[in-house]
Structure formats: C-alpha cells, structure tokens
Amino acid sequence: MIDVKIRFNTQCRDERSFWRILINGVEKICASVILECSSHTTLDEVWDPGRKEMVQKHHISCQAQEVLWKGNVVIIK
C-alpha cells in the first residue's frame, strides 16, 4: 500500500500548483487530483521547512494501490 496525503497549497502563485501530495512522506505538487479509492480526513504532524519544525496539518488521506501521473494531474487508485 502507498500512503498518500493531500492538502491545499496555500502558497500557490500559478495555475498548476494547487495541491501538495505526500506520497510515502515525499512531497510533490500538482494542479489536480483524481481519487479512485476510499479516503478520509486526518490531522497529521509534518515537517515545515519554512518554520524548521513539525506542525499539524489537515489532509485528505488514503492507502492507495497505485499513483499515476498524467502531466500535472495525479490519479490515486
């Protein structure tokens, strides 16, 4: 299973980096997310490089079988 966490990118300054996606703890940025699996909301502690500390963030989370990229769109199955 692939641990996936999704949250809005509050620092988005363009038309293609709306979402932060954590895939097994590695952050990526995308414009759109297609969820094709069960999901739920969570409150998680994540590293904030700007503050240089752990902070709490709200996510849409799931355990995926597969994560596919089509340009700047991520499809989570």
Protein backbone atom coordinates (compact mmCIF):
# COMPACT_ATOMS: atom_id res chain seq x y z
CA MET A 1 0.00 0.00 0.00
CA ILE A 2 1.07 3.56 -0.73
CA ASP A 3 0.45 6.16 2.00
CA VAL A 4 -1.00 9.29 0.32
CA LYS A 5 -1.87 12.61 1.97
CA ILE A 6 -3.35 15.58 0.07
CA ARG A 7 -3.65 19.21 1.18
CA PHE A 8 -4.23 22.57 -0.46
CA ASN A 9 -1.08 24.52 -1.30
CA THR A 10 -1.63 27.87 0.42
CA GLN A 11 1.46 29.26 -1.32
CA CYS A 12 0.14 28.60 -4.84
CA ARG A 13 1.03 31.51 -7.12
CA ASP A 14 0.17 29.99 -10.50
CA GLU A 15 -2.41 27.82 -12.26
CA ARG A 16 -0.70 24.44 -11.75
CA SER A 17 0.45 24.01 -8.17
CA PHE A 18 -2.81 23.94 -6.19
CA TRP A 19 -2.18 20.71 -4.26
CA ARG A 20 0.58 19.25 -2.13
CA ILE A 21 0.70 15.46 -2.35
CA LEU A 22 2.71 13.44 0.17
CA ILE A 23 3.46 10.00 -1.26
CA ASN A 24 5.08 7.83 1.41
CA GLY A 25 6.34 11.06 3.00
CA VAL A 26 7.78 12.62 -0.20
CA GLU A 27 6.08 15.88 -1.20
CA LYS A 28 5.09 16.64 -4.80
CA ILE A 29 2.98 19.47 -6.25
CA CYS A 30 0.15 19.10 -8.77
CA ALA A 31 -2.73 21.01 -10.37
CA SER A 32 -5.46 18.40 -9.98
CA VAL A 33 -6.17 15.20 -8.03
CA ILE A 34 -8.41 12.33 -9.10
CA LEU A 35 -9.24 9.97 -6.22
CA GLU A 36 -10.39 6.50 -7.21
CA CYS A 37 -10.06 4.88 -3.79
CA SER A 38 -11.56 5.28 -0.32
CA SER A 39 -10.30 8.31 1.55
CA HIS A 40 -10.75 10.09 4.88
CA THR A 41 -9.59 13.26 6.60
CA THR A 42 -6.69 13.28 9.04
CA LEU A 43 -4.72 15.69 11.21
CA ASP A 44 -1.02 14.87 10.85
CA GLU A 45 2.32 16.19 12.02
CA VAL A 46 4.57 17.11 9.09
CA TRP A 47 7.89 18.92 8.73
CA ASP A 48 7.57 22.60 7.77
CA PRO A 49 10.86 23.68 6.16
CA GLY A 50 9.96 27.38 6.46
CA ARG A 51 9.45 27.15 10.23
CA LYS A 52 12.04 24.37 10.61
CA GLU A 53 9.76 22.41 12.90
CA MET A 54 6.99 19.83 12.94
CA VAL A 55 3.50 21.33 12.52
CA GLN A 56 -0.03 19.93 12.38
CA LYS A 57 -1.80 19.93 9.01
CA HIS A 58 -5.18 18.65 7.83
CA HIS A 59 -5.14 16.17 4.93
CA ILE A 60 -7.33 14.01 2.79
CA SER A 61 -5.60 10.66 3.28
CA CYS A 62 -5.75 7.21 1.76
CA GLN A 63 -3.91 3.95 1.31
CA ALA A 64 -3.51 3.59 -2.45
CA GLN A 65 -2.68 0.63 -4.64
CA GLU A 66 -1.29 2.86 -7.39
CA VAL A 67 -0.37 6.50 -8.03
CA LEU A 68 -0.24 7.65 -11.65
CA TRP A 69 0.87 10.99 -13.09
CA LYS A 70 -0.52 12.49 -16.30
CA GLY A 71 1.29 15.79 -16.67
CA ASN A 72 0.45 17.81 -13.56
CA VAL A 73 -2.58 15.64 -12.68
CA VAL A 74 -2.24 12.81 -10.16
CA ILE A 75 -4.57 9.81 -10.25
CA ILE A 76 -4.76 7.86 -7.00
CA LYS A 77 -6.19 4.33 -7.17
